[in-house]
Amino acid sequence: MFKDKKAMSGIITTIMIVALVLVLFIIVWGVISNIVNSQACNAELSEMCTDTSLLITGISCTSTTNCDVVVKRTRGSSDLESVTISVSDGKNSLTKTFAGGLDNLQTKEFAVTGTTALSSTIGNKGDVAASVKGTTDMCKNEVIVCPAFSYSG
């Protein structure tokens, strides 16, 4: 039936080489696209931090364990997962994380309470800081915590 077995061997070899090249191409494409998507995600998360700006507009401590901090989001369009407020007297601090963030240009008062007693020297520059945590559209499963914004009152 098949008189020229050498010709069949050449065809099979060619098909195997083409199949091997396709498999290698798919593997390389998968690795490269994963790296590119990861880098794009990291860039988008970093942009979220630089795009988001908070302004701590006031602080009022009614006791050594209860402070109300007013924060305004002055820019940024990314969704914020949470806002963390920290009030410090230089020795002790009260820190609380609030679920949900701030919409752009929204001002909100946060009640920071705790069991650690603060001295009465609160309200100076650097005593209060706010940081945000969020995700982006491209990076649904990735979360970034942005650096803190300090009180400039």
N, C-alpha and C. Protein backbone atom coordinates (compact mmCIF):
# COMPACT_ATOMS: atom_id res chain seq x y z
N MET A 1 0.82 -1.19 0.00
CA MET A 1 0.00 0.00 0.00
C MET A 1 0.87 1.26 0.00
N PHE A 2 1.72 1.43 1.05
CA PHE A 2 2.63 2.56 1.09
C PHE A 2 4.00 2.06 0.66
N LYS A 3 4.40 2.40 -0.53
CA LYS A 3 5.66 1.89 -1.05
C LYS A 3 6.83 2.77 -0.62
N ASP A 4 6.56 4.10 -0.42
CA ASP A 4 7.66 5.00 -0.07
C ASP A 4 7.53 5.41 1.39
N LYS A 5 8.10 4.61 2.28
CA LYS A 5 7.99 4.86 3.71
C LYS A 5 8.81 6.09 4.11
N LYS A 6 9.85 6.44 3.38
CA LYS A 6 10.65 7.61 3.70
C LYS A 6 9.85 8.89 3.52
N ALA A 7 8.99 8.96 2.53
CA ALA A 7 8.15 10.14 2.29
C ALA A 7 7.17 10.33 3.44
N MET A 8 6.59 9.26 3.95
CA MET A 8 5.66 9.34 5.08
C MET A 8 6.39 9.83 6.33
N SER A 9 7.63 9.40 6.52
CA SER A 9 8.41 9.80 7.67
C SER A 9 8.67 11.31 7.64
N GLY A 10 8.92 11.88 6.47
CA GLY A 10 9.13 13.34 6.32
C GLY A 10 7.88 14.12 6.66
N ILE A 11 6.72 13.65 6.24
CA ILE A 11 5.46 14.33 6.52
C ILE A 11 5.17 14.31 8.01
N ILE A 12 5.34 13.16 8.64
CA ILE A 12 5.10 13.04 10.08
C ILE A 12 6.05 13.94 10.86
N THR A 13 7.31 13.98 10.44
CA THR A 13 8.28 14.85 11.10
C THR A 13 7.88 16.32 10.98
N THR A 14 7.45 16.74 9.80
CA THR A 14 7.01 18.11 9.58
C THR A 14 5.81 18.45 10.46
N ILE A 15 4.84 17.56 10.51
CA ILE A 15 3.65 17.80 11.35
C ILE A 15 4.05 17.90 12.82
N MET A 16 4.96 17.06 13.27
CA MET A 16 5.39 17.10 14.67
C MET A 16 6.15 18.39 14.97
N ILE A 17 6.96 18.87 14.05
CA ILE A 17 7.69 20.12 14.26
C ILE A 17 6.72 21.30 14.33
N VAL A 18 5.74 21.33 13.43
CA VAL A 18 4.73 22.40 13.44
C VAL A 18 3.95 22.37 14.75
N ALA A 19 3.56 21.18 15.21
CA ALA A 19 2.82 21.05 16.47
C ALA A 19 3.67 21.53 17.64
N LEU A 20 4.95 21.17 17.66
CA LEU A 20 5.86 21.59 18.72
C LEU A 20 6.01 23.11 18.74
N VAL A 21 6.16 23.71 17.57
CA VAL A 21 6.28 25.17 17.48
C VAL A 21 5.01 25.83 18.00
N LEU A 22 3.84 25.31 17.65
CA LEU A 22 2.58 25.87 18.15
C LEU A 22 2.48 25.77 19.67
N VAL A 23 2.84 24.64 20.22
CA VAL A 23 2.80 24.47 21.68
C VAL A 23 3.76 25.45 22.36
N LEU A 24 4.97 25.58 21.83
CA LEU A 24 5.93 26.53 22.41
C LEU A 24 5.42 27.97 22.30
N PHE A 25 4.82 28.32 21.17
CA PHE A 25 4.26 29.66 21.00
C PHE A 25 3.18 29.93 22.04
N ILE A 26 2.30 28.97 22.27
CA ILE A 26 1.22 29.15 23.25
C ILE A 26 1.80 29.32 24.66
N ILE A 27 2.81 28.54 25.00
CA ILE A 27 3.44 28.65 26.32
C ILE A 27 4.10 30.02 26.49
N VAL A 28 4.88 30.45 25.50
CA VAL A 28 5.55 31.75 25.58
C VAL A 28 4.53 32.87 25.64
N TRP A 29 3.47 32.79 24.84
CA TRP A 29 2.42 33.81 24.85
C TRP A 29 1.77 33.89 26.23
N GLY A 30 1.49 32.76 26.84
CA GLY A 30 0.88 32.75 28.16
C GLY A 30 1.77 33.40 29.21
N VAL A 31 3.05 33.10 29.19
CA VAL A 31 3.98 33.68 30.16
C VAL A 31 4.11 35.18 29.96
N ILE A 32 4.30 35.60 28.73
CA ILE A 32 4.47 37.03 28.44
C ILE A 32 3.21 37.82 28.77
N SER A 33 2.04 37.32 28.40
CA SER A 33 0.81 38.07 28.69
C SER A 33 0.55 38.15 30.19
N ASN A 34 0.93 37.11 30.94
CA ASN A 34 0.78 37.14 32.40
C ASN A 34 1.67 38.21 33.00
N ILE A 35 2.92 38.31 32.52
CA ILE A 35 3.84 39.33 33.02
C ILE A 35 3.34 40.73 32.67
N VAL A 36 2.88 40.92 31.44
CA VAL A 36 2.38 42.23 31.02
C VAL A 36 1.15 42.63 31.82
N ASN A 37 0.21 41.71 32.02
CA ASN A 37 -0.99 42.01 32.80
C ASN A 37 -0.65 42.34 34.25
N SER A 38 0.31 41.63 34.81
CA SER A 38 0.72 41.88 36.18
C SER A 38 1.32 43.27 36.32
N GLN A 39 2.18 43.65 35.37
CA GLN A 39 2.79 44.98 35.40
C GLN A 39 1.75 46.07 35.20
N ALA A 40 0.78 45.83 34.32
CA ALA A 40 -0.28 46.81 34.09
C ALA A 40 -1.13 46.98 35.34
N CYS A 41 -1.39 45.88 36.04
CA CYS A 41 -2.16 45.93 37.27
C CYS A 41 -1.41 46.73 38.33
N ASN A 42 -0.12 46.46 38.49
CA ASN A 42 0.68 47.20 39.47
C ASN A 42 0.71 48.69 39.15
N ALA A 43 0.82 49.02 37.87
CA ALA A 43 0.82 50.43 37.47
C ALA A 43 -0.51 51.09 37.79
N GLU A 44 -1.62 50.37 37.56
CA GLU A 44 -2.93 50.94 37.84
C GLU A 44 -3.15 51.14 39.34
N LEU A 45 -2.67 50.20 40.15
CA LEU A 45 -2.79 50.35 41.60
C LEU A 45 -1.95 51.52 42.10
N SER A 46 -0.75 51.67 41.57
CA SER A 46 0.10 52.80 41.96
C SER A 46 -0.54 54.12 41.55
N GLU A 47 -1.14 54.13 40.37
CA GLU A 47 -1.82 55.34 39.91
C GLU A 47 -2.99 55.70 40.82
N MET A 48 -3.67 54.67 41.35
CA MET A 48 -4.77 54.93 42.27
C MET A 48 -4.27 55.71 43.49
N CYS A 49 -3.10 55.33 43.99
CA CYS A 49 -2.55 56.03 45.16
C CYS A 49 -2.16 57.46 44.83
N THR A 50 -1.53 57.67 43.68
CA THR A 50 -1.12 59.03 43.33
C THR A 50 -2.30 59.88 42.92
N ASP A 51 -3.36 59.25 42.42
CA ASP A 51 -4.56 59.98 41.99
C ASP A 51 -5.45 60.36 43.18
N THR A 52 -5.36 59.61 44.28
CA THR A 52 -6.21 59.86 45.44
C THR A 52 -5.54 60.84 46.37
N SER A 53 -6.29 61.83 46.81
CA SER A 53 -5.76 62.82 47.74
C SER A 53 -6.77 63.07 48.84
N LEU A 54 -6.31 62.98 50.07
CA LEU A 54 -7.16 63.25 51.23
C LEU A 54 -6.63 64.48 51.95
N LEU A 55 -7.54 65.23 52.52
CA LEU A 55 -7.18 66.40 53.31
C LEU A 55 -7.86 66.26 54.66
N ILE A 56 -7.07 66.20 55.70
CA ILE A 56 -7.62 66.13 57.06
C ILE A 56 -7.88 67.57 57.47
N THR A 57 -9.17 67.91 57.58
CA THR A 57 -9.53 69.31 57.80
C THR A 57 -9.74 69.67 59.25
N GLY A 58 -9.85 68.67 60.12
CA GLY A 58 -10.02 69.01 61.53
C GLY A 58 -9.97 67.80 62.43
N ILE A 59 -9.71 68.09 63.70
CA ILE A 59 -9.70 67.04 64.72
C ILE A 59 -10.24 67.64 66.01
N SER A 60 -11.04 66.86 66.69
CA SER A 60 -11.60 67.28 67.96
C SER A 60 -11.63 66.07 68.88
N CYS A 61 -10.87 66.14 69.95
CA CYS A 61 -10.84 65.05 70.93
C CYS A 61 -11.69 65.43 72.12
N THR A 62 -12.72 64.64 72.38
CA THR A 62 -13.60 64.90 73.51
C THR A 62 -13.10 64.22 74.78
N SER A 63 -12.20 63.27 74.63
CA SER A 63 -11.55 62.62 75.78
C SER A 63 -10.23 62.05 75.29
N THR A 64 -9.51 61.40 76.18
CA THR A 64 -8.22 60.83 75.78
C THR A 64 -8.38 59.54 75.00
N THR A 65 -9.61 59.04 74.88
CA THR A 65 -9.84 57.81 74.11
C THR A 65 -10.86 58.00 72.99
N ASN A 66 -11.22 59.24 72.69
CA ASN A 66 -12.22 59.50 71.65
C ASN A 66 -11.88 60.78 70.90
N CYS A 67 -11.59 60.63 69.60
CA CYS A 67 -11.30 61.79 68.76
C CYS A 67 -12.14 61.71 67.48
N ASP A 68 -12.67 62.84 67.07
CA ASP A 68 -13.39 62.94 65.81
C ASP A 68 -12.47 63.62 64.80
N VAL A 69 -12.29 62.94 63.66
CA VAL A 69 -11.38 63.43 62.62
C VAL A 69 -12.21 63.69 61.37
N VAL A 70 -12.09 64.88 60.81
CA VAL A 70 -12.81 65.25 59.58
C VAL A 70 -11.84 65.12 58.41
N VAL A 71 -12.25 64.31 57.42
CA VAL A 71 -11.41 64.05 56.25
C VAL A 71 -12.19 64.40 54.99
N LYS A 72 -11.53 65.08 54.07
CA LYS A 72 -12.13 65.41 52.77
C LYS A 72 -11.29 64.77 51.68
N ARG A 73 -11.97 64.11 50.75
CA ARG A 73 -11.28 63.57 49.58
C ARG A 73 -11.28 64.66 48.52
N THR A 74 -10.09 65.16 48.19
CA THR A 74 -10.01 66.29 47.27
C THR A 74 -9.85 65.88 45.81
N ARG A 75 -9.48 64.62 45.56
CA ARG A 75 -9.43 64.14 44.18
C ARG A 75 -9.33 62.62 44.20
N GLY A 76 -9.57 62.05 43.02
CA GLY A 76 -9.46 60.60 42.87
C GLY A 76 -10.79 59.99 42.48
N SER A 77 -10.74 59.08 41.51
CA SER A 77 -11.98 58.46 41.03
C SER A 77 -12.07 56.98 41.36
N SER A 78 -11.00 56.40 41.93
CA SER A 78 -11.00 54.98 42.25
C SER A 78 -11.88 54.70 43.46
N ASP A 79 -12.44 53.49 43.50
CA ASP A 79 -13.23 53.08 44.65
C ASP A 79 -12.29 52.75 45.80
N LEU A 80 -12.59 53.28 46.97
CA LEU A 80 -11.79 52.99 48.15
C LEU A 80 -12.49 51.93 48.97
N GLU A 81 -11.74 50.92 49.37
CA GLU A 81 -12.29 49.83 50.16
C GLU A 81 -12.42 50.23 51.63
N SER A 82 -11.45 51.00 52.13
CA SER A 82 -11.49 51.43 53.53
C SER A 82 -10.61 52.64 53.73
N VAL A 83 -10.85 53.32 54.85
CA VAL A 83 -10.03 54.45 55.27
C VAL A 83 -9.56 54.13 56.69
N THR A 84 -8.27 54.28 56.94
CA THR A 84 -7.71 54.06 58.27
C THR A 84 -7.24 55.39 58.82
N ILE A 85 -7.71 55.72 60.02
CA ILE A 85 -7.35 56.97 60.68
C ILE A 85 -6.50 56.62 61.90
N SER A 86 -5.41 57.36 62.07
CA SER A 86 -4.54 57.17 63.22
C SER A 86 -4.32 58.51 63.90
N VAL A 87 -4.55 58.55 65.22
CA VAL A 87 -4.33 59.76 66.01
C VAL A 87 -3.24 59.42 67.02
N SER A 88 -2.22 60.25 67.09
CA SER A 88 -1.08 59.96 67.97
C SER A 88 -0.71 61.18 68.79
N ASP A 89 -0.22 60.91 70.00
CA ASP A 89 0.31 62.00 70.83
C ASP A 89 1.84 61.95 70.88
N GLY A 90 2.42 61.11 70.03
CA GLY A 90 3.86 60.94 70.00
C GLY A 90 4.32 59.73 70.80
N LYS A 91 3.48 59.30 71.72
CA LYS A 91 3.82 58.14 72.55
C LYS A 91 2.79 57.02 72.36
N ASN A 92 1.52 57.36 72.44
CA ASN A 92 0.42 56.41 72.26
C ASN A 92 -0.38 56.82 71.02
N SER A 93 -1.14 55.87 70.49
CA SER A 93 -1.96 56.21 69.32
C SER A 93 -3.27 55.43 69.33
N LEU A 94 -4.25 56.03 68.69
CA LEU A 94 -5.54 55.40 68.44
C LEU A 94 -5.62 55.18 66.94
N THR A 95 -5.93 53.98 66.51
CA THR A 95 -6.05 53.68 65.09
C THR A 95 -7.32 52.90 64.86
N LYS A 96 -8.06 53.31 63.84
CA LYS A 96 -9.30 52.61 63.51
C LYS A 96 -9.47 52.60 62.00
N THR A 97 -9.93 51.44 61.47
CA THR A 97 -10.19 51.28 60.04
C THR A 97 -11.70 51.31 59.82
N PHE A 98 -12.13 52.12 58.87
CA PHE A 98 -13.54 52.28 58.55
C PHE A 98 -13.81 51.68 57.18
N ALA A 99 -14.73 50.73 57.12
CA ALA A 99 -15.10 50.11 55.83
C ALA A 99 -15.77 51.16 54.96
N GLY A 100 -15.60 51.00 53.67
CA GLY A 100 -16.16 51.98 52.74
C GLY A 100 -15.24 53.18 52.70
N GLY A 101 -15.22 53.83 51.62
CA GLY A 101 -14.30 54.94 51.48
C GLY A 101 -15.02 56.26 51.38
N LEU A 102 -14.38 57.16 50.73
CA LEU A 102 -14.92 58.49 50.47
C LEU A 102 -15.07 58.66 48.97
N ASP A 103 -16.20 59.22 48.56
CA ASP A 103 -16.35 59.57 47.16
C ASP A 103 -15.54 60.84 46.90
N ASN A 104 -15.28 61.11 45.63
CA ASN A 104 -14.54 62.30 45.26
C ASN A 104 -15.26 63.55 45.78
N LEU A 105 -14.51 64.42 46.42
CA LEU A 105 -14.97 65.68 47.00
C LEU A 105 -15.91 65.51 48.19
N GLN A 106 -16.01 64.31 48.72
CA GLN A 106 -16.85 64.07 49.89
C GLN A 106 -16.07 64.37 51.17
N THR A 107 -16.75 64.96 52.15
CA THR A 107 -16.18 65.21 53.47
C THR A 107 -16.92 64.33 54.46
N LYS A 108 -16.16 63.70 55.35
CA LYS A 108 -16.78 62.79 56.30
C LYS A 108 -16.06 62.88 57.64
N GLU A 109 -16.85 62.75 58.71
CA GLU A 109 -16.27 62.74 60.05
C GLU A 109 -16.16 61.31 60.55
N PHE A 110 -14.99 60.97 61.06
CA PHE A 110 -14.73 59.62 61.57
C PHE A 110 -14.48 59.70 63.06
N ALA A 111 -15.17 58.87 63.83
CA ALA A 111 -14.98 58.80 65.28
C ALA A 111 -13.95 57.72 65.58
N VAL A 112 -12.78 58.15 66.02
CA VAL A 112 -11.70 57.23 66.33
C VAL A 112 -11.70 57.03 67.85
N THR A 113 -12.00 55.82 68.26
CA THR A 113 -12.05 55.52 69.69
C THR A 113 -11.13 54.34 69.98
N GLY A 114 -10.71 54.26 71.20
CA GLY A 114 -9.84 53.16 71.59
C GLY A 114 -9.70 53.06 73.08
N THR A 115 -8.87 52.15 73.52
CA THR A 115 -8.66 51.95 74.95
C THR A 115 -7.37 52.60 75.43
N THR A 116 -6.48 52.95 74.49
CA THR A 116 -5.22 53.58 74.87
C THR A 116 -5.46 55.05 75.14
N ALA A 117 -5.04 55.52 76.28
CA ALA A 117 -5.24 56.93 76.64
C ALA A 117 -4.18 57.80 75.98
N LEU A 118 -4.64 58.87 75.35
CA LEU A 118 -3.75 59.85 74.75
C LEU A 118 -3.58 61.03 75.70
N SER A 119 -2.46 61.71 75.56
CA SER A 119 -2.31 62.95 76.31
C SER A 119 -3.18 64.01 75.66
N SER A 120 -3.29 65.14 76.25
CA SER A 120 -4.16 66.18 75.72
C SER A 120 -3.51 66.98 74.59
N THR A 121 -2.28 66.65 74.19
CA THR A 121 -1.59 67.42 73.16
C THR A 121 -1.88 66.85 71.77
N ILE A 122 -3.14 66.85 71.39
CA ILE A 122 -3.55 66.36 70.07
C ILE A 122 -4.01 67.56 69.25
N GLY A 123 -3.83 67.46 67.96
CA GLY A 123 -4.28 68.52 67.08
C GLY A 123 -3.14 69.26 66.43
N ASN A 124 -1.92 68.87 66.75
CA ASN A 124 -0.77 69.49 66.12
C ASN A 124 -0.45 68.79 64.80
N LYS A 125 0.39 69.45 64.02
CA LYS A 125 0.81 68.87 62.74
C LYS A 125 1.44 67.49 62.97
N GLY A 126 1.05 66.52 62.17
CA GLY A 126 1.63 65.20 62.26
C GLY A 126 0.98 64.28 63.28
N ASP A 127 0.05 64.82 64.08
CA ASP A 127 -0.60 63.99 65.09
C ASP A 127 -1.66 63.06 64.50
N VAL A 128 -2.18 63.42 63.33
CA VAL A 128 -3.26 62.65 62.72
C VAL A 128 -2.84 62.26 61.31
N ALA A 129 -3.15 61.01 60.93
CA ALA A 129 -2.84 60.54 59.58
C ALA A 129 -3.99 59.69 59.08
N ALA A 130 -4.22 59.71 57.78
CA ALA A 130 -5.26 58.89 57.16
C ALA A 130 -4.63 58.15 55.99
N SER A 131 -4.92 56.86 55.89
CA SER A 131 -4.47 56.09 54.74
C SER A 131 -5.67 55.37 54.14
N VAL A 132 -5.55 55.01 52.88
CA VAL A 132 -6.68 54.37 52.18
C VAL A 132 -6.24 53.03 51.61
N LYS A 133 -7.22 52.17 51.44
CA LYS A 133 -6.99 50.85 50.83
C LYS A 133 -8.04 50.70 49.75
N GLY A 134 -7.65 50.19 48.59
CA GLY A 134 -8.61 50.05 47.51
C GLY A 134 -8.19 49.11 46.42
N THR A 135 -9.09 48.92 45.47
CA THR A 135 -8.84 48.10 44.29
C THR A 135 -9.20 48.91 43.05
N THR A 136 -8.86 48.38 41.88
CA THR A 136 -9.21 49.05 40.63
C THR A 136 -9.96 48.08 39.73
N ASP A 137 -10.49 48.60 38.64
CA ASP A 137 -11.25 47.76 37.71
C ASP A 137 -10.41 46.63 37.14
N MET A 138 -9.17 46.92 36.77
CA MET A 138 -8.31 45.91 36.17
C MET A 138 -7.84 44.88 37.21
N CYS A 139 -7.70 45.32 38.43
CA CYS A 139 -7.11 44.48 39.48
C CYS A 139 -8.14 44.17 40.56
N LYS A 140 -9.18 43.48 40.20
CA LYS A 140 -10.28 43.21 41.13
C LYS A 140 -9.83 42.45 42.38
N ASN A 141 -8.88 41.54 42.25
CA ASN A 141 -8.47 40.72 43.39
C ASN A 141 -7.24 41.27 44.10
N GLU A 142 -6.68 42.34 43.60
CA GLU A 142 -5.49 42.93 44.21
C GLU A 142 -5.91 44.13 45.06
N VAL A 143 -5.27 44.29 46.19
CA VAL A 143 -5.57 45.40 47.09
C VAL A 143 -4.27 46.13 47.38
N ILE A 144 -4.34 47.45 47.42
CA ILE A 144 -3.16 48.25 47.74
C ILE A 144 -3.51 49.17 48.90
N VAL A 145 -2.55 49.36 49.79
CA VAL A 145 -2.68 50.33 50.88
C VAL A 145 -1.81 51.51 50.51
N CYS A 146 -2.43 52.66 50.35
CA CYS A 146 -1.70 53.86 49.95
C CYS A 146 -1.04 54.51 51.17
N PRO A 147 0.03 55.25 50.95
CA PRO A 147 0.70 55.95 52.06
C PRO A 147 -0.25 56.92 52.75
N ALA A 148 0.07 57.22 53.99
CA ALA A 148 -0.80 58.08 54.81
C ALA A 148 -0.70 59.56 54.42
N PHE A 149 -1.80 60.24 54.64
CA PHE A 149 -1.88 61.70 54.47
C PHE A 149 -1.91 62.29 55.88
N SER A 150 -1.05 63.26 56.16
CA SER A 150 -0.95 63.82 57.50
C SER A 150 -1.78 65.09 57.64
N TYR A 151 -2.12 65.38 58.87
CA TYR A 151 -2.88 66.59 59.20
C TYR A 151 -2.00 67.80 59.05
N SER A 152 -2.49 68.80 58.34
CA SER A 152 -1.69 69.99 58.13
C SER A 152 -2.30 71.21 58.80
N GLY A 153 -3.23 70.96 59.72
CA GLY A 153 -3.97 72.03 60.39
C GLY A 153 -3.11 72.93 61.12
